[in-house]
Amino acid sequence: QVQLVESGGGLVQPGGSLRLSCTASGSILRIGDMRWFRQAPGKERELVAVISSTHGTTYTDSVKGRFTISRESAKNTVYLQMNSLKPEDMAVYYCNADLLAVASPWRAYWGQGTQVTVSS
């Protein structure tokens, strides 16, 4: 059974930084794109950043220059370094990844989410 487990959320003041991590575990054969989404109260889930298996990256406009997505393939882990955090970044952040697992076709998996609170 494949699991994605996020960590690193918490409370930070405006202008501060946090680093989120998400590690995939289980009977994984290959990992494709890995993504970070976020969902603020009363809003739709939003795609924040994507990193491909070849480490190509894309970002939503509101986080460009502040957030950096990276991955460590040997550890099946994706990171989101968040700098210069703003109150509008406050949300539950979700990890998402395209995985090929034993006895399963390629499909997207989700983590359970980690809360990021930006407040003074």
N, C-alpha and C. Protein backbone atom coordinates (compact mmCIF):
# COMPACT_ATOMS: atom_id res chain seq x y z
N GLN A 1 0.85 -1.19 0.00
CA GLN A 1 0.00 0.00 0.00
C GLN A 1 0.88 1.24 0.00
N VAL A 2 0.56 2.17 -0.89
CA VAL A 2 1.35 3.39 -1.02
C VAL A 2 0.81 4.45 -0.09
N GLN A 3 1.71 5.17 0.54
CA GLN A 3 1.33 6.30 1.40
C GLN A 3 2.21 7.49 1.09
N LEU A 4 1.60 8.67 1.17
CA LEU A 4 2.34 9.92 1.13
C LEU A 4 2.15 10.59 2.49
N VAL A 5 3.25 10.93 3.12
CA VAL A 5 3.17 11.52 4.46
C VAL A 5 3.90 12.86 4.45
N GLU A 6 3.14 13.92 4.76
CA GLU A 6 3.71 15.27 4.81
C GLU A 6 4.16 15.60 6.23
N SER A 7 5.10 16.53 6.30
CA SER A 7 5.53 17.08 7.58
C SER A 7 6.08 18.48 7.35
N GLY A 8 6.24 19.21 8.44
CA GLY A 8 6.89 20.51 8.36
C GLY A 8 5.97 21.71 8.48
N GLY A 9 4.67 21.48 8.55
CA GLY A 9 3.77 22.61 8.72
C GLY A 9 3.87 23.18 10.12
N GLY A 10 3.20 24.31 10.32
CA GLY A 10 3.22 24.93 11.63
C GLY A 10 2.83 26.38 11.57
N LEU A 11 3.12 27.08 12.66
CA LEU A 11 2.82 28.50 12.80
C LEU A 11 4.07 29.32 12.53
N VAL A 12 3.94 30.33 11.69
CA VAL A 12 5.08 31.19 11.38
C VAL A 12 4.58 32.62 11.24
N GLN A 13 5.43 33.57 11.57
CA GLN A 13 5.06 34.97 11.42
C GLN A 13 5.18 35.40 9.97
N PRO A 14 4.44 36.42 9.56
CA PRO A 14 4.61 36.95 8.20
C PRO A 14 6.07 37.30 7.94
N GLY A 15 6.53 36.92 6.75
CA GLY A 15 7.93 37.11 6.40
C GLY A 15 8.82 35.94 6.75
N GLY A 16 8.29 35.00 7.50
CA GLY A 16 9.07 33.84 7.91
C GLY A 16 9.12 32.75 6.86
N SER A 17 9.75 31.64 7.24
CA SER A 17 9.96 30.53 6.32
C SER A 17 9.55 29.21 6.95
N LEU A 18 9.15 28.30 6.10
CA LEU A 18 8.88 26.91 6.49
C LEU A 18 9.33 26.01 5.36
N ARG A 19 9.68 24.79 5.72
CA ARG A 19 10.02 23.79 4.71
C ARG A 19 9.13 22.57 4.92
N LEU A 20 8.32 22.29 3.92
CA LEU A 20 7.47 21.11 3.94
C LEU A 20 8.18 19.94 3.28
N SER A 21 7.91 18.75 3.81
CA SER A 21 8.44 17.52 3.22
C SER A 21 7.29 16.55 2.99
N CYS A 22 7.46 15.71 2.00
CA CYS A 22 6.47 14.67 1.72
C CYS A 22 7.23 13.44 1.22
N THR A 23 7.05 12.34 1.92
CA THR A 23 7.75 11.11 1.56
C THR A 23 6.76 10.03 1.17
N ALA A 24 7.02 9.42 0.05
CA ALA A 24 6.20 8.31 -0.43
C ALA A 24 6.81 7.00 0.01
N SER A 25 5.96 6.09 0.45
CA SER A 25 6.44 4.78 0.90
C SER A 25 5.49 3.70 0.40
N GLY A 26 5.98 2.48 0.40
CA GLY A 26 5.17 1.35 -0.06
C GLY A 26 5.84 0.66 -1.23
N SER A 27 5.06 -0.12 -1.96
CA SER A 27 5.59 -0.92 -3.07
C SER A 27 5.67 -0.09 -4.35
N ILE A 28 6.55 0.91 -4.31
CA ILE A 28 6.66 1.87 -5.39
C ILE A 28 7.67 1.41 -6.43
N LEU A 29 7.26 1.46 -7.68
CA LEU A 29 8.17 1.12 -8.78
C LEU A 29 8.76 2.37 -9.41
N ARG A 30 7.92 3.36 -9.65
CA ARG A 30 8.39 4.61 -10.25
C ARG A 30 7.54 5.76 -9.75
N ILE A 31 8.15 6.94 -9.73
CA ILE A 31 7.43 8.17 -9.37
C ILE A 31 7.57 9.16 -10.50
N GLY A 32 6.46 9.72 -10.92
CA GLY A 32 6.47 10.73 -11.97
C GLY A 32 6.45 12.12 -11.38
N ASP A 33 5.52 12.95 -11.84
CA ASP A 33 5.41 14.30 -11.31
C ASP A 33 5.02 14.27 -9.85
N MET A 34 5.57 15.22 -9.10
CA MET A 34 5.19 15.42 -7.70
C MET A 34 4.73 16.86 -7.55
N ARG A 35 3.73 17.07 -6.74
CA ARG A 35 3.07 18.38 -6.67
C ARG A 35 2.75 18.76 -5.24
N TRP A 36 2.61 20.05 -5.03
CA TRP A 36 2.06 20.60 -3.81
C TRP A 36 0.81 21.39 -4.17
N PHE A 37 -0.26 21.10 -3.46
CA PHE A 37 -1.50 21.85 -3.54
C PHE A 37 -1.72 22.52 -2.19
N ARG A 38 -2.63 23.48 -2.16
CA ARG A 38 -3.07 24.05 -0.89
C ARG A 38 -4.54 24.38 -0.97
N GLN A 39 -5.15 24.38 0.21
CA GLN A 39 -6.57 24.73 0.28
C GLN A 39 -6.81 25.56 1.53
N ALA A 40 -7.26 26.79 1.30
CA ALA A 40 -7.60 27.69 2.38
C ALA A 40 -9.08 27.54 2.70
N PRO A 41 -9.49 27.89 3.90
CA PRO A 41 -10.91 27.75 4.28
C PRO A 41 -11.82 28.48 3.30
N GLY A 42 -12.83 27.79 2.84
CA GLY A 42 -13.80 28.39 1.93
C GLY A 42 -13.34 28.54 0.51
N LYS A 43 -12.14 28.04 0.19
CA LYS A 43 -11.61 28.16 -1.17
C LYS A 43 -11.37 26.79 -1.77
N GLU A 44 -11.24 26.77 -3.10
CA GLU A 44 -10.95 25.52 -3.79
C GLU A 44 -9.47 25.16 -3.62
N ARG A 45 -9.20 23.88 -3.75
CA ARG A 45 -7.81 23.43 -3.71
C ARG A 45 -7.06 24.01 -4.91
N GLU A 46 -5.87 24.51 -4.63
CA GLU A 46 -5.08 25.22 -5.64
C GLU A 46 -3.74 24.53 -5.84
N LEU A 47 -3.35 24.38 -7.12
CA LEU A 47 -2.03 23.83 -7.41
C LEU A 47 -0.97 24.90 -7.15
N VAL A 48 0.02 24.58 -6.34
CA VAL A 48 1.05 25.55 -5.96
C VAL A 48 2.31 25.36 -6.79
N ALA A 49 2.77 24.12 -6.89
CA ALA A 49 4.04 23.87 -7.59
C ALA A 49 4.08 22.42 -8.05
N VAL A 50 4.83 22.21 -9.13
CA VAL A 50 5.00 20.89 -9.72
C VAL A 50 6.48 20.68 -10.01
N ILE A 51 6.94 19.45 -9.77
CA ILE A 51 8.29 19.08 -10.20
C ILE A 51 8.21 17.75 -10.92
N SER A 52 8.80 17.70 -12.10
CA SER A 52 8.76 16.48 -12.89
C SER A 52 9.85 15.51 -12.45
N SER A 53 9.84 14.34 -13.03
CA SER A 53 10.86 13.34 -12.71
C SER A 53 12.25 13.78 -13.18
N THR A 54 12.27 14.73 -14.12
CA THR A 54 13.55 15.28 -14.60
C THR A 54 13.85 16.62 -13.94
N HIS A 55 13.11 16.94 -12.88
CA HIS A 55 13.34 18.11 -12.03
C HIS A 55 12.95 19.43 -12.68
N GLY A 56 12.15 19.36 -13.75
CA GLY A 56 11.56 20.58 -14.25
C GLY A 56 10.50 21.07 -13.29
N THR A 57 10.39 22.40 -13.12
CA THR A 57 9.47 22.95 -12.12
C THR A 57 8.56 24.00 -12.72
N THR A 58 7.36 24.11 -12.15
CA THR A 58 6.44 25.19 -12.46
C THR A 58 5.78 25.62 -11.16
N TYR A 59 5.37 26.90 -11.14
CA TYR A 59 4.78 27.49 -9.94
C TYR A 59 3.56 28.33 -10.31
N THR A 60 2.63 28.40 -9.39
CA THR A 60 1.57 29.36 -9.56
C THR A 60 2.15 30.76 -9.34
N ASP A 61 1.57 31.74 -10.02
CA ASP A 61 2.16 33.08 -10.02
C ASP A 61 2.35 33.67 -8.63
N SER A 62 1.42 33.39 -7.74
CA SER A 62 1.45 34.04 -6.43
C SER A 62 2.62 33.60 -5.55
N VAL A 63 3.29 32.51 -5.90
CA VAL A 63 4.40 32.04 -5.07
C VAL A 63 5.75 32.12 -5.78
N LYS A 64 5.75 32.53 -7.04
CA LYS A 64 7.01 32.62 -7.79
C LYS A 64 7.99 33.56 -7.09
N GLY A 65 9.22 33.09 -6.97
CA GLY A 65 10.24 33.89 -6.31
C GLY A 65 10.28 33.73 -4.81
N ARG A 66 9.27 33.09 -4.24
CA ARG A 66 9.21 32.89 -2.79
C ARG A 66 9.29 31.41 -2.40
N PHE A 67 8.68 30.56 -3.20
CA PHE A 67 8.64 29.12 -2.91
C PHE A 67 9.56 28.38 -3.88
N THR A 68 10.14 27.29 -3.39
CA THR A 68 10.97 26.43 -4.22
C THR A 68 10.60 24.97 -3.98
N ILE A 69 10.25 24.29 -5.06
CA ILE A 69 9.96 22.86 -4.96
C ILE A 69 11.20 22.09 -5.40
N SER A 70 11.48 21.00 -4.69
CA SER A 70 12.62 20.16 -5.04
C SER A 70 12.27 18.73 -4.67
N ARG A 71 13.09 17.80 -5.15
CA ARG A 71 12.84 16.40 -4.83
C ARG A 71 14.15 15.66 -4.66
N GLU A 72 14.09 14.64 -3.84
CA GLU A 72 15.23 13.77 -3.60
C GLU A 72 14.78 12.37 -3.97
N SER A 73 15.10 11.99 -5.19
CA SER A 73 14.56 10.75 -5.74
C SER A 73 14.94 9.53 -4.93
N ALA A 74 16.16 9.50 -4.42
CA ALA A 74 16.61 8.34 -3.66
C ALA A 74 15.79 8.13 -2.39
N LYS A 75 15.16 9.20 -1.92
CA LYS A 75 14.34 9.11 -0.70
C LYS A 75 12.85 9.20 -0.99
N ASN A 76 12.49 9.22 -2.28
CA ASN A 76 11.07 9.34 -2.66
C ASN A 76 10.41 10.53 -1.96
N THR A 77 11.13 11.61 -1.90
CA THR A 77 10.68 12.77 -1.11
C THR A 77 10.65 14.03 -1.97
N VAL A 78 9.62 14.82 -1.74
CA VAL A 78 9.50 16.13 -2.36
C VAL A 78 9.45 17.17 -1.26
N TYR A 79 10.04 18.32 -1.52
CA TYR A 79 10.09 19.41 -0.54
C TYR A 79 9.43 20.66 -1.10
N LEU A 80 8.99 21.51 -0.21
CA LEU A 80 8.53 22.84 -0.60
C LEU A 80 9.13 23.82 0.39
N GLN A 81 10.13 24.57 -0.07
CA GLN A 81 10.72 25.61 0.74
C GLN A 81 9.92 26.88 0.53
N MET A 82 9.35 27.40 1.61
CA MET A 82 8.48 28.57 1.53
C MET A 82 9.14 29.72 2.30
N ASN A 83 9.48 30.76 1.58
CA ASN A 83 10.09 31.95 2.18
C ASN A 83 9.16 33.15 2.03
N SER A 84 9.43 34.18 2.80
CA SER A 84 8.64 35.42 2.74
C SER A 84 7.15 35.12 2.81
N LEU A 85 6.77 34.31 3.76
CA LEU A 85 5.38 33.88 3.86
C LEU A 85 4.45 35.05 4.17
N LYS A 86 3.28 34.97 3.58
CA LYS A 86 2.25 36.00 3.74
C LYS A 86 1.01 35.38 4.37
N PRO A 87 0.18 36.18 4.99
CA PRO A 87 -1.06 35.63 5.55
C PRO A 87 -1.90 34.88 4.51
N GLU A 88 -1.86 35.32 3.27
CA GLU A 88 -2.65 34.65 2.24
C GLU A 88 -2.08 33.29 1.84
N ASP A 89 -0.89 32.94 2.34
CA ASP A 89 -0.36 31.61 2.11
C ASP A 89 -0.91 30.59 3.10
N MET A 90 -1.62 31.06 4.09
CA MET A 90 -2.14 30.17 5.12
C MET A 90 -3.17 29.22 4.52
N ALA A 91 -2.95 27.93 4.73
CA ALA A 91 -3.80 26.90 4.13
C ALA A 91 -3.34 25.54 4.63
N VAL A 92 -4.11 24.53 4.29
CA VAL A 92 -3.64 23.16 4.43
C VAL A 92 -2.92 22.81 3.13
N TYR A 93 -1.70 22.34 3.26
CA TYR A 93 -0.88 21.99 2.09
C TYR A 93 -0.88 20.48 1.91
N TYR A 94 -1.15 20.08 0.68
CA TYR A 94 -1.25 18.66 0.34
C TYR A 94 -0.18 18.28 -0.68
N CYS A 95 0.40 17.13 -0.46
CA CYS A 95 1.34 16.54 -1.41
C CYS A 95 0.54 15.63 -2.34
N ASN A 96 0.95 15.61 -3.60
CA ASN A 96 0.30 14.76 -4.61
C ASN A 96 1.39 14.23 -5.53
N ALA A 97 1.28 12.97 -5.90
CA ALA A 97 2.31 12.40 -6.78
C ALA A 97 1.72 11.32 -7.67
N ASP A 98 2.25 11.26 -8.89
CA ASP A 98 1.91 10.19 -9.82
C ASP A 98 2.85 9.02 -9.56
N LEU A 99 2.27 7.89 -9.22
CA LEU A 99 3.09 6.74 -8.82
C LEU A 99 2.68 5.49 -9.57
N LEU A 100 3.68 4.66 -9.87
CA LEU A 100 3.45 3.32 -10.36
C LEU A 100 3.85 2.37 -9.23
N ALA A 101 2.88 1.63 -8.74
CA ALA A 101 3.13 0.71 -7.64
C ALA A 101 2.92 -0.73 -8.10
N VAL A 102 3.43 -1.66 -7.32
CA VAL A 102 3.28 -3.08 -7.63
C VAL A 102 1.80 -3.42 -7.71
N ALA A 103 1.42 -4.08 -8.79
CA ALA A 103 0.05 -4.55 -9.01
C ALA A 103 -0.95 -3.41 -9.15
N SER A 104 -0.50 -2.22 -9.47
CA SER A 104 -1.38 -1.07 -9.65
C SER A 104 -0.93 -0.28 -10.88
N PRO A 105 -1.88 0.33 -11.58
CA PRO A 105 -1.49 1.18 -12.71
C PRO A 105 -1.00 2.53 -12.20
N TRP A 106 -0.46 3.33 -13.11
CA TRP A 106 -0.11 4.71 -12.77
C TRP A 106 -1.37 5.41 -12.27
N ARG A 107 -1.21 6.10 -11.14
CA ARG A 107 -2.31 6.90 -10.61
C ARG A 107 -1.76 7.93 -9.66
N ALA A 108 -2.59 8.90 -9.35
CA ALA A 108 -2.20 9.96 -8.44
C ALA A 108 -2.57 9.59 -7.01
N TYR A 109 -1.66 9.88 -6.11
CA TYR A 109 -1.88 9.64 -4.69
C TYR A 109 -1.80 10.97 -3.95
N TRP A 110 -2.52 11.04 -2.82
CA TRP A 110 -2.55 12.25 -2.01
C TRP A 110 -2.03 11.98 -0.60
N GLY A 111 -1.39 12.98 -0.04
CA GLY A 111 -1.07 12.94 1.37
C GLY A 111 -2.24 13.43 2.19
N GLN A 112 -2.06 13.42 3.51
CA GLN A 112 -3.16 13.77 4.42
C GLN A 112 -3.25 15.27 4.66
N GLY A 113 -2.25 16.00 4.29
CA GLY A 113 -2.25 17.45 4.46
C GLY A 113 -1.51 17.89 5.71
N THR A 114 -0.94 19.08 5.64
CA THR A 114 -0.27 19.68 6.79
C THR A 114 -0.66 21.16 6.84
N GLN A 115 -0.98 21.63 8.02
CA GLN A 115 -1.48 23.00 8.19
C GLN A 115 -0.32 23.98 8.25
N VAL A 116 -0.45 25.04 7.47
CA VAL A 116 0.48 26.17 7.53
C VAL A 116 -0.31 27.39 7.97
N THR A 117 0.09 27.96 9.09
CA THR A 117 -0.57 29.14 9.63
C THR A 117 0.42 30.29 9.64
N VAL A 118 0.03 31.40 9.01
CA VAL A 118 0.89 32.59 8.94
C VAL A 118 0.18 33.70 9.70
N SER A 119 0.73 34.03 10.85
CA SER A 119 0.07 35.01 11.71
C SER A 119 1.08 35.60 12.68
N SER A 120 0.84 36.87 13.00
CA SER A 120 1.69 37.52 13.99
C SER A 120 1.05 37.42 15.37
